[in-house]
């Protein structure tokens, strides 16, 4: 095996992660699980779990419980259902340079494969999770740099999932190489802008990325071949792997404060700041105009009928913020989609593309917001960067508040608090069993009223 591939295999199969990236993995893990909890009762989540229960049966040794459900299905089915669940409540972490998401696929895969490893410690689990973020990020960078289409995250986070499966199933380097090739070949190279223009339950392809990556590892362990993965072994891809283990992309992932597309976050932050700083309510505002990058300006503009449309609608999200001062899970689902107060505000909003913001994308997601008050006063936000990224990190309390806002209504306050506290416990007690967290997040939740 070439030294280039051998060093990547060593990084994957024997992960040894520094304290900073390991600590960040703990935060990303718990934040993602909070989103999974919050998404439990959404229609896409229910459908995905029921599909897995019907069609993804497996023997006990090859099964795993579904998150916040408890029913046992195949490892691949469990990973698929949870990734689809998380992907359909658009509040999970992401990595700007790949214009996509990692945690929504690799966190479900970690829980699914770890079920058969009661010996796995919290520290080991965090190392494996951090490793999978690095593999996924570089696979995504390589794919974006070598193909013309803008593909969904499942096209490349499948490789991070395969890496988790091979590590937890103690594959050797040769088997791992085949698994990465299978995951890349079958990864869903779906076109992201199609979903932006016509939002559905497909979202960012991460459900299929988790399914494909899990199957890839298990197929390779059975002797199925698929190497090479050209996003790792191709000559054009090689530069993206040269700093593996020295540059930690996991530290550059963002955490979303709002459960909508990241492209709408800078406008939301700009309007939020103007309303806060000037004590504004919806009755004070005549018009809101936004200038941003082309992809953000292309977000769905109509009144949404579904949660998927609501999460890809800047106009709707800004109207929710204008009316309520926040955007939470209840605003983009159920009765929130038929809120007449929100609908009445949408005509006040206009969005336009600006070349200056195009030039910053995808490394930065910026916008400018201008508000015209009822008395004609003009207020301007200036250039706003979306909060929650490496340069605009949120206060610690805001991450906890977000987690509880998403998780507690589904699990109850006590259980949500226990899950949140696992973040610090896993870091402080790396030898504790990872199953202590797994048990908390795989047990069923009460039915929705």
Protein backbone atom coordinates (compact mmCIF):
# COMPACT_ATOMS: atom_id res chain seq x y z
CA UNK A 1 0.00 0.00 0.00
CA UNK A 2 1.35 3.46 -0.93
CA UNK A 3 2.69 5.52 1.96
CA UNK A 4 0.07 8.23 1.30
CA UNK A 5 -2.78 5.76 1.81
CA UNK A 6 -0.98 3.97 4.63
CA UNK A 7 -0.69 7.15 6.69
CA UNK A 8 -4.40 7.91 6.19
CA UNK A 9 -5.26 4.37 7.25
CA UNK A 10 -3.14 4.76 10.40
CA UNK A 11 -4.96 8.00 11.24
CA UNK A 12 -8.35 6.32 10.81
CA UNK A 13 -7.75 2.98 12.50
CA UNK A 14 -5.68 4.25 15.45
CA UNK A 15 -7.01 7.75 16.10
CA UNK A 16 -5.09 9.75 18.71
CA UNK A 17 -6.73 13.16 18.92
CA UNK A 18 -5.41 16.22 20.81
CA UNK A 19 -7.46 17.71 23.63
CA UNK A 20 -8.80 20.69 21.65
CA UNK A 21 -10.34 18.69 18.77
CA UNK A 22 -11.55 16.02 21.19
CA UNK A 23 -13.31 18.63 23.33
CA UNK A 24 -14.88 20.16 20.23
CA UNK A 25 -16.07 16.70 19.16
CA UNK A 26 -17.92 16.40 22.47
CA UNK A 27 -19.76 19.68 21.87
CA UNK A 28 -20.63 18.80 18.28
CA UNK A 29 -21.82 15.35 19.39
CA UNK A 30 -24.21 16.66 22.03
CA UNK A 31 -25.45 19.53 19.85
CA UNK A 32 -26.24 17.04 17.07
CA UNK A 33 -28.07 14.74 19.48
CA UNK A 34 -30.14 17.72 20.62
CA UNK A 35 -31.18 18.30 17.03
CA UNK A 36 -32.00 14.59 16.67
CA UNK A 37 -34.26 14.81 19.69
CA UNK A 38 -35.97 17.94 18.43
CA UNK A 39 -36.64 16.29 15.07
CA UNK A 40 -38.15 13.10 16.54
CA UNK A 41 -41.78 13.88 15.77
CA UNK A 42 -41.33 15.51 12.35
CA UNK A 43 -42.96 13.64 9.47
CA UNK A 44 -39.66 12.81 7.67
CA UNK A 45 -38.25 11.39 10.91
CA UNK A 46 -41.28 9.25 11.58
CA UNK A 47 -41.32 7.96 8.00
CA UNK A 48 -37.59 7.17 8.01
CA UNK A 49 -37.76 5.26 11.30
CA UNK A 50 -40.84 3.33 10.22
CA UNK A 51 -39.15 2.49 6.92
CA UNK A 52 -36.09 1.19 8.77
CA UNK A 53 -38.27 -0.86 11.11
CA UNK A 54 -40.12 -2.46 8.17
CA UNK A 55 -37.29 -3.04 5.74
CA UNK A 56 -33.99 -3.03 7.66
CA UNK A 57 -34.25 -5.97 10.03
CA UNK A 58 -31.08 -7.73 11.21
CA UNK A 59 -29.87 -10.32 13.66
CA UNK A 60 -29.11 -8.96 17.13
CA UNK A 61 -25.35 -8.95 16.57
CA UNK A 62 -25.79 -6.79 13.46
CA UNK A 63 -28.51 -4.49 14.75
CA UNK A 64 -28.65 -1.24 16.67
CA UNK A 65 -31.41 0.81 18.32
CA UNK A 66 -32.76 3.90 16.59
CA UNK A 67 -32.21 7.25 18.30
CA UNK A 68 -34.99 8.35 20.68
CA UNK A 69 -36.99 5.34 19.51
CA UNK A 70 -35.37 2.15 20.83
CA UNK A 71 -36.52 -0.25 18.12
CA UNK A 72 -33.63 -2.35 16.82
CA UNK A 73 -32.91 -2.38 13.10
CA UNK A 74 -29.82 -3.06 11.02
CA UNK A 75 -26.76 -0.91 11.66
CA UNK A 76 -27.18 0.72 8.26
CA UNK A 77 -30.90 1.24 8.89
CA UNK A 78 -30.28 2.85 12.26
CA UNK A 79 -27.68 5.20 10.80
CA UNK A 80 -29.96 6.06 7.87
CA UNK A 81 -33.00 6.78 10.04
CA UNK A 82 -31.13 9.03 12.47
CA UNK A 83 -29.22 10.90 9.76
CA UNK A 84 -32.48 11.55 7.89
CA UNK A 85 -34.07 12.68 11.14
CA UNK A 86 -31.28 15.16 11.90
CA UNK A 87 -31.02 16.35 8.30
CA UNK A 88 -34.70 17.31 8.28
CA UNK A 89 -34.37 19.74 11.19
CA UNK A 90 -31.81 22.07 9.70
CA UNK A 91 -30.02 23.02 12.93
CA UNK A 92 -26.98 20.73 12.76
CA UNK A 93 -23.32 21.68 12.44
CA UNK A 94 -21.54 22.39 9.17
CA UNK A 95 -18.21 23.27 7.57
CA UNK A 96 -18.17 26.34 5.33
CA UNK A 97 -15.50 25.26 2.81
CA UNK A 98 -17.51 22.19 1.76
CA UNK A 99 -20.87 24.00 1.86
CA UNK A 100 -22.30 21.14 3.87
CA UNK A 101 -22.61 19.00 6.96
CA UNK A 102 -20.72 16.22 8.71
CA UNK A 103 -22.21 15.53 12.13
CA UNK A 104 -25.67 14.60 10.83
CA UNK A 105 -24.18 11.46 9.22
CA UNK A 106 -21.23 10.52 11.41
CA UNK A 107 -22.95 10.91 14.79
CA UNK A 108 -25.69 8.39 13.89
CA UNK A 109 -23.04 6.04 12.49
CA UNK A 110 -20.99 6.26 15.68
CA UNK A 111 -24.02 5.35 17.82
CA UNK A 112 -25.06 2.54 15.46
CA UNK A 113 -21.66 0.83 15.25
CA UNK A 114 -20.86 1.43 18.93
CA UNK A 115 -23.86 -0.59 20.08
CA UNK A 116 -21.89 -3.80 19.55
CA UNK A 117 -18.91 -2.41 21.49
CA UNK A 118 -19.83 -2.22 25.19
CA UNK A 119 -16.10 -1.89 25.92
CA UNK A 120 -15.90 1.43 24.06
CA UNK A 121 -14.94 4.32 26.31
CA UNK A 122 -16.09 7.91 25.99
CA UNK A 123 -12.57 9.02 25.13
CA UNK A 124 -12.26 6.44 22.37
CA UNK A 125 -15.65 7.42 20.97
CA UNK A 126 -14.68 11.09 20.86
CA UNK A 127 -11.42 10.25 19.11
CA UNK A 128 -13.27 8.21 16.49
CA UNK A 129 -15.83 10.97 16.01
CA UNK A 130 -13.16 13.65 15.59
CA UNK A 131 -11.35 11.41 13.11
CA UNK A 132 -14.52 11.03 11.04
CA UNK A 133 -14.96 14.80 10.86
CA UNK A 134 -11.46 15.12 9.42
CA UNK A 135 -11.98 12.36 6.85
CA UNK A 136 -15.36 13.73 5.78
CA UNK A 137 -14.11 17.30 5.46
CA UNK A 138 -11.18 16.38 3.25
CA UNK A 139 -13.27 14.07 1.08
CA UNK A 140 -15.71 16.95 0.60
CA UNK A 141 -12.97 19.44 -0.25
CA UNK A 142 -11.50 17.04 -2.79
CA UNK A 143 -14.88 16.33 -4.39
CA UNK A 144 -15.80 20.02 -4.70
CA UNK A 145 -12.40 20.78 -6.23
CA UNK A 146 -12.54 18.05 -8.86
CA UNK A 147 -16.13 17.96 -10.15
CA UNK A 148 -18.40 20.61 -11.62
CA UNK A 149 -21.66 20.00 -9.74
CA UNK A 150 -22.38 21.18 -6.20
CA UNK A 151 -23.19 17.84 -4.55
CA UNK A 152 -25.07 17.18 -1.34
CA UNK A 153 -23.16 16.27 1.81
CA UNK A 154 -24.03 12.58 1.54
CA UNK A 155 -21.69 12.36 -1.44
CA UNK A 156 -18.68 12.78 0.82
CA UNK A 157 -19.70 12.33 4.47
CA UNK A 158 -20.29 8.69 3.51
CA UNK A 159 -16.50 8.25 3.66
CA UNK A 160 -16.41 9.46 7.26
CA UNK A 161 -19.15 6.97 8.09
CA UNK A 162 -17.22 4.13 6.44
CA UNK A 163 -14.15 5.11 8.45
CA UNK A 164 -16.15 4.83 11.68
CA UNK A 165 -17.51 1.41 10.75
CA UNK A 166 -14.10 0.02 9.86
CA UNK A 167 -12.51 1.36 13.04
CA UNK A 168 -15.19 0.01 15.37
CA UNK A 169 -15.23 -3.33 13.54
CA UNK A 170 -11.39 -3.49 13.76
CA UNK A 171 -10.83 -3.75 10.01
CA UNK A 172 -7.30 -3.80 8.65
CA UNK A 173 -5.89 -1.18 6.30
CA UNK A 174 -6.68 -3.17 3.17
CA UNK A 175 -10.32 -3.62 4.15
CA UNK A 176 -10.58 0.08 5.03
CA UNK A 177 -9.28 1.05 1.58
CA UNK A 178 -12.00 -1.03 -0.07
CA UNK A 179 -14.67 0.45 2.19
CA UNK A 180 -13.67 4.02 1.36
CA UNK A 181 -13.82 3.18 -2.34
CA UNK A 182 -17.28 1.64 -2.01
CA UNK A 183 -18.56 4.60 0.01
CA UNK A 184 -17.29 7.11 -2.51
CA UNK A 185 -18.56 5.20 -5.56
CA UNK A 186 -22.07 4.77 -4.17
CA UNK A 187 -22.23 8.08 -2.31
CA UNK A 188 -25.29 10.09 -3.41
CA UNK A 189 -23.87 12.66 -5.83
CA UNK A 190 -27.16 14.52 -5.82
CA UNK A 191 -27.34 18.18 -6.89
CA UNK A 192 -27.84 20.45 -3.89
CA UNK A 193 -29.37 23.39 -5.76
CA UNK A 194 -32.24 21.18 -6.97
CA UNK A 195 -33.24 20.73 -3.33
CA UNK A 196 -32.82 24.44 -2.62
CA UNK A 197 -35.13 25.35 -5.50
CA UNK A 198 -37.73 22.66 -4.67
CA UNK A 199 -37.39 21.75 -0.97
CA UNK A 200 -38.39 18.20 -0.02
CA UNK A 201 -37.57 15.58 2.60
CA UNK A 202 -34.38 14.70 0.67
CA UNK A 203 -32.54 17.66 2.18
CA UNK A 204 -28.74 17.34 2.04
CA UNK A 205 -28.50 13.66 1.16
CA UNK A 206 -27.00 12.73 4.52
CA UNK A 207 -29.48 9.94 5.21
CA UNK A 208 -28.25 8.13 2.12
CA UNK A 209 -24.67 9.10 2.96
CA UNK A 210 -25.02 7.38 6.34
CA UNK A 211 -26.67 4.35 4.74
CA UNK A 212 -24.05 4.07 1.99
CA UNK A 213 -21.10 4.59 4.31
CA UNK A 214 -22.36 2.01 6.80
CA UNK A 215 -23.01 -0.54 4.08
CA UNK A 216 -19.61 0.18 2.56
CA UNK A 217 -17.82 -0.77 5.78
CA UNK A 218 -19.88 -3.91 6.26
CA UNK A 219 -19.52 -4.97 2.62
CA UNK A 220 -15.75 -4.52 2.74
CA UNK A 221 -15.58 -6.59 5.91
CA UNK A 222 -17.39 -9.34 3.98
CA UNK A 223 -14.76 -9.18 1.25
CA UNK A 224 -16.43 -6.85 -1.25
CA UNK A 225 -13.94 -4.70 -3.19
CA UNK A 226 -14.27 -1.08 -4.27
CA UNK A 227 -10.93 0.71 -4.10
CA UNK A 228 -9.64 3.19 -4.95
CA UNK A 229 -11.51 6.26 -3.69
CA UNK A 230 -10.33 8.96 -6.07
CA UNK A 231 -11.11 11.75 -3.59
CA UNK A 232 -8.33 10.21 -1.50
CA UNK A 233 -6.02 8.52 -3.99
CA UNK A 234 -6.43 10.69 -7.10
CA UNK A 235 -3.52 12.99 -7.88
CA UNK A 236 -5.77 16.09 -7.81
CA UNK A 237 -7.07 15.11 -4.36
CA UNK A 238 -3.77 14.46 -2.70
CA UNK A 239 -3.09 18.05 -1.50
CA UNK A 240 -6.22 17.96 0.64
CA UNK A 241 -4.79 15.10 2.72
CA UNK A 242 -1.28 16.39 3.31
CA UNK A 243 -2.14 18.19 6.56
CA UNK A 244 -4.23 15.36 8.05
CA UNK A 245 -3.41 15.14 11.74
CA UNK A 246 -1.79 18.58 11.87
CA UNK A 247 -4.60 20.90 10.74
CA UNK A 248 -7.89 20.21 12.53
CA UNK A 249 -10.87 21.17 10.42
CA UNK A 250 -13.21 20.10 13.23
CA UNK A 251 -12.28 23.33 15.00
CA UNK A 252 -13.72 25.26 12.02
CA UNK A 253 -17.18 23.68 12.05
CA UNK A 254 -20.02 26.00 12.95
CA UNK A 255 -22.98 25.35 15.23
CA UNK A 256 -26.28 26.83 14.13
CA UNK A 257 -28.33 29.03 16.44
CA UNK A 258 -31.38 28.72 14.14
CA UNK A 259 -32.99 25.57 12.63
CA UNK A 260 -32.89 26.87 9.05
CA UNK A 261 -30.44 26.85 6.16
CA UNK A 262 -27.12 28.44 7.11
CA UNK A 263 -27.41 30.74 4.11
CA UNK A 264 -30.19 32.62 5.91
CA UNK A 265 -28.29 33.06 9.17
CA UNK A 266 -26.40 36.28 8.44
CA UNK A 267 -29.62 38.09 7.43
CA UNK A 268 -31.30 36.73 10.56
CA UNK A 269 -28.40 37.92 12.71
CA UNK A 270 -28.46 41.35 11.04
CA UNK A 271 -32.19 41.83 11.56
CA UNK A 272 -31.99 40.44 15.10
CA UNK A 273 -29.27 42.95 16.04
CA UNK A 274 -31.17 45.91 14.56
CA UNK A 275 -34.38 44.95 16.34
CA UNK A 276 -32.53 44.45 19.63
CA UNK A 277 -30.43 47.60 19.44
CA UNK A 278 -33.33 49.85 18.46
CA UNK A 279 -36.09 48.18 20.47
CA UNK A 280 -38.11 47.34 17.37
CA UNK A 281 -41.19 45.19 16.98
CA UNK A 282 -42.95 44.16 13.78
CA UNK A 283 -45.28 47.13 14.07
CA UNK A 284 -42.30 49.48 13.68
CA UNK A 285 -40.94 47.97 10.45
CA UNK A 286 -42.14 48.94 6.99
CA UNK A 287 -39.58 47.09 4.84
CA UNK A 288 -36.58 44.78 5.20
CA UNK A 289 -34.13 44.50 2.31
CA UNK A 290 -31.31 41.96 2.24
CA UNK A 291 -28.21 41.81 0.04
CA UNK A 292 -26.35 38.51 0.12
CA UNK A 293 -24.61 35.86 -2.02
CA UNK A 294 -26.34 34.22 -4.97
CA UNK A 295 -27.07 30.89 -3.29
CA UNK A 296 -28.68 32.64 -0.32
CA UNK A 297 -30.73 34.85 -2.61
CA UNK A 298 -31.99 31.69 -4.37
CA UNK A 299 -33.63 30.29 -1.23
CA UNK A 300 -37.34 29.47 -1.42
CA UNK A 301 -39.42 32.66 -1.44
CA UNK A 302 -42.99 31.43 -1.14
CA UNK A 303 -45.14 30.75 1.89
CA UNK A 304 -44.02 27.26 2.97
CA UNK A 305 -46.39 24.32 3.13
CA UNK A 306 -43.83 21.97 4.72
CA UNK A 307 -41.00 22.06 7.23
CA UNK A 308 -38.54 21.44 4.40
CA UNK A 309 -39.72 24.53 2.56
CA UNK A 310 -39.69 26.59 5.76
CA UNK A 311 -36.08 25.67 6.48
CA UNK A 312 -35.01 26.74 2.99
CA UNK A 313 -36.97 30.01 3.02
CA UNK A 314 -35.16 33.20 4.02
CA UNK A 315 -38.34 35.26 3.69
CA UNK A 316 -40.25 33.00 6.09
CA UNK A 317 -37.40 32.82 8.63
CA UNK A 318 -36.99 36.60 8.66
CA UNK A 319 -40.74 37.01 9.14
CA UNK A 320 -40.70 34.59 12.07
CA UNK A 321 -37.83 36.52 13.65
CA UNK A 322 -39.60 39.83 13.06
CA UNK A 323 -42.75 38.53 14.74
CA UNK A 324 -41.28 36.51 17.64
CA UNK A 325 -37.68 37.65 18.09
CA UNK A 326 -36.43 34.06 17.63
CA UNK A 327 -36.67 31.10 15.27
CA UNK A 328 -37.24 27.71 16.90
CA UNK A 329 -38.45 24.24 15.92
CA UNK A 330 -42.12 25.07 16.61
CA UNK A 331 -42.03 28.00 14.20
CA UNK A 332 -41.06 25.85 11.20
CA UNK A 333 -43.35 22.87 11.79
CA UNK A 334 -46.95 22.05 12.59
CA UNK A 335 -49.15 25.04 13.33
CA UNK A 336 -46.18 27.36 12.86
CA UNK A 337 -46.46 26.88 9.10
CA UNK A 338 -49.98 28.39 9.13
CA UNK A 339 -49.20 31.37 11.35
CA UNK A 340 -51.14 34.31 9.82
CA UNK A 341 -49.01 36.90 11.63
CA UNK A 342 -45.86 35.52 10.01
CA UNK A 343 -47.47 35.24 6.59
CA UNK A 344 -48.59 38.89 6.74
CA UNK A 345 -44.99 40.05 7.24
CA UNK A 346 -43.43 38.22 4.29
CA UNK A 347 -44.35 40.84 1.65
CA UNK A 348 -42.26 43.38 3.56
CA UNK A 349 -39.04 41.47 2.76
CA UNK A 350 -36.91 41.64 -0.37
CA UNK A 351 -33.66 39.77 -1.08
CA UNK A 352 -31.07 40.51 -3.78
CA UNK A 353 -27.72 39.07 -4.87
CA UNK A 354 -24.60 41.17 -4.30
CA UNK A 355 -21.20 40.49 -5.97
CA UNK A 356 -19.30 41.48 -2.82
CA UNK A 357 -21.00 38.71 -0.86
CA UNK A 358 -20.56 36.26 -3.74
CA UNK A 359 -16.81 36.82 -3.50
CA UNK A 360 -16.76 35.76 0.17
CA UNK A 361 -18.76 32.55 -0.32
CA UNK A 362 -18.30 29.72 0.71
CA UNK A 363 -15.58 30.59 3.23
CA UNK A 364 -17.91 33.20 4.74
CA UNK A 365 -21.71 33.50 4.70
CA UNK A 366 -22.29 37.25 4.80
CA UNK A 367 -25.16 39.65 4.21
CA UNK A 368 -26.29 43.23 4.74
CA UNK A 369 -29.71 44.09 6.12
CA UNK A 370 -31.43 47.44 5.67
CA UNK A 371 -34.60 48.22 7.60
CA UNK A 372 -36.99 51.04 6.74
CA UNK A 373 -39.19 52.03 9.65
CA UNK A 374 -42.79 53.18 9.38
CA UNK A 375 -41.66 56.79 9.86
CA UNK A 376 -39.13 56.51 7.01
CA UNK A 377 -36.03 56.08 9.19
CA UNK A 378 -33.33 53.91 7.56
CA UNK A 379 -31.27 51.47 9.61
CA UNK A 380 -28.34 49.44 8.24
CA UNK A 381 -26.63 46.40 9.73
CA UNK A 382 -23.42 46.69 7.74
CA UNK A 383 -21.73 43.46 6.65
CA UNK A 384 -22.80 40.61 8.95
CA UNK A 385 -21.13 37.20 9.31
CA UNK A 386 -23.33 34.31 10.36
CA UNK A 387 -22.84 33.64 14.07
CA UNK A 388 -21.72 30.31 15.49
CA UNK A 389 -18.64 29.78 13.34
CA UNK A 390 -14.96 29.82 14.28
CA UNK A 391 -14.78 33.63 14.07
CA UNK A 392 -18.18 34.29 15.63
CA UNK A 393 -18.38 31.63 18.35
CA UNK A 394 -21.44 31.81 20.58
CA UNK A 395 -21.43 32.15 24.37
CA UNK A 396 -21.44 28.78 26.13
CA UNK A 397 -24.87 29.50 27.60
CA UNK A 398 -26.39 29.92 24.15
CA UNK A 399 -25.35 26.41 23.09
CA UNK A 400 -26.95 24.97 26.21
CA UNK A 401 -30.10 27.04 25.71
CA UNK A 402 -30.38 25.79 22.13
CA UNK A 403 -29.92 22.19 23.23
CA UNK A 404 -32.60 22.43 25.90
CA UNK A 405 -34.98 24.24 23.53
CA UNK A 406 -34.72 21.34 21.08
CA UNK A 407 -34.38 18.35 23.40
CA UNK A 408 -36.39 19.03 26.56
CA UNK A 409 -39.85 19.25 24.93
CA UNK A 410 -39.30 15.74 23.55
CA UNK A 411 -37.46 13.96 26.39
CA UNK A 412 -38.40 16.00 29.43
CA UNK A 413 -36.14 18.38 31.31
CA UNK A 414 -34.38 15.80 33.48
CA UNK A 415 -33.32 13.50 30.67
CA UNK A 416 -32.33 16.45 28.48
CA UNK A 417 -30.19 17.79 31.31
CA UNK A 418 -28.53 14.40 31.74
CA UNK A 419 -27.68 14.26 28.03
CA UNK A 420 -26.28 17.79 28.03
CA UNK A 421 -24.12 17.03 31.08
CA UNK A 422 -22.56 14.11 29.20
CA UNK A 423 -20.62 16.64 27.16
CA UNK A 424 -18.45 17.67 30.11
CA UNK A 425 -18.47 14.20 31.69
CA UNK A 426 -17.04 12.51 28.59
CA UNK A 427 -14.21 15.02 28.47
CA UNK A 428 -13.46 14.87 32.20
CA UNK A 429 -13.95 11.08 32.50
CA UNK A 430 -12.64 9.61 29.23
CA UNK A 431 -12.64 6.07 30.67
CA UNK A 432 -16.38 6.06 31.37
CA UNK A 433 -18.42 3.71 29.15
CA UNK A 434 -19.74 5.40 26.03
CA UNK A 435 -22.87 3.30 26.50
CA UNK A 436 -23.90 5.66 29.32
CA UNK A 437 -24.62 8.31 26.70
CA UNK A 438 -25.94 5.80 24.17
CA UNK A 439 -28.53 4.49 26.62
CA UNK A 440 -29.83 8.02 27.18
CA UNK A 441 -30.30 8.79 23.48
CA UNK A 442 -31.63 5.46 22.21
CA UNK A 443 -34.38 4.91 24.78
CA UNK A 444 -37.88 5.75 23.46
CA UNK A 445 -39.45 9.11 24.16
CA UNK A 446 -43.06 9.74 25.20
CA UNK A 447 -45.54 9.96 22.34
CA UNK A 448 -46.47 13.42 21.15
CA UNK A 449 -49.69 14.82 22.62
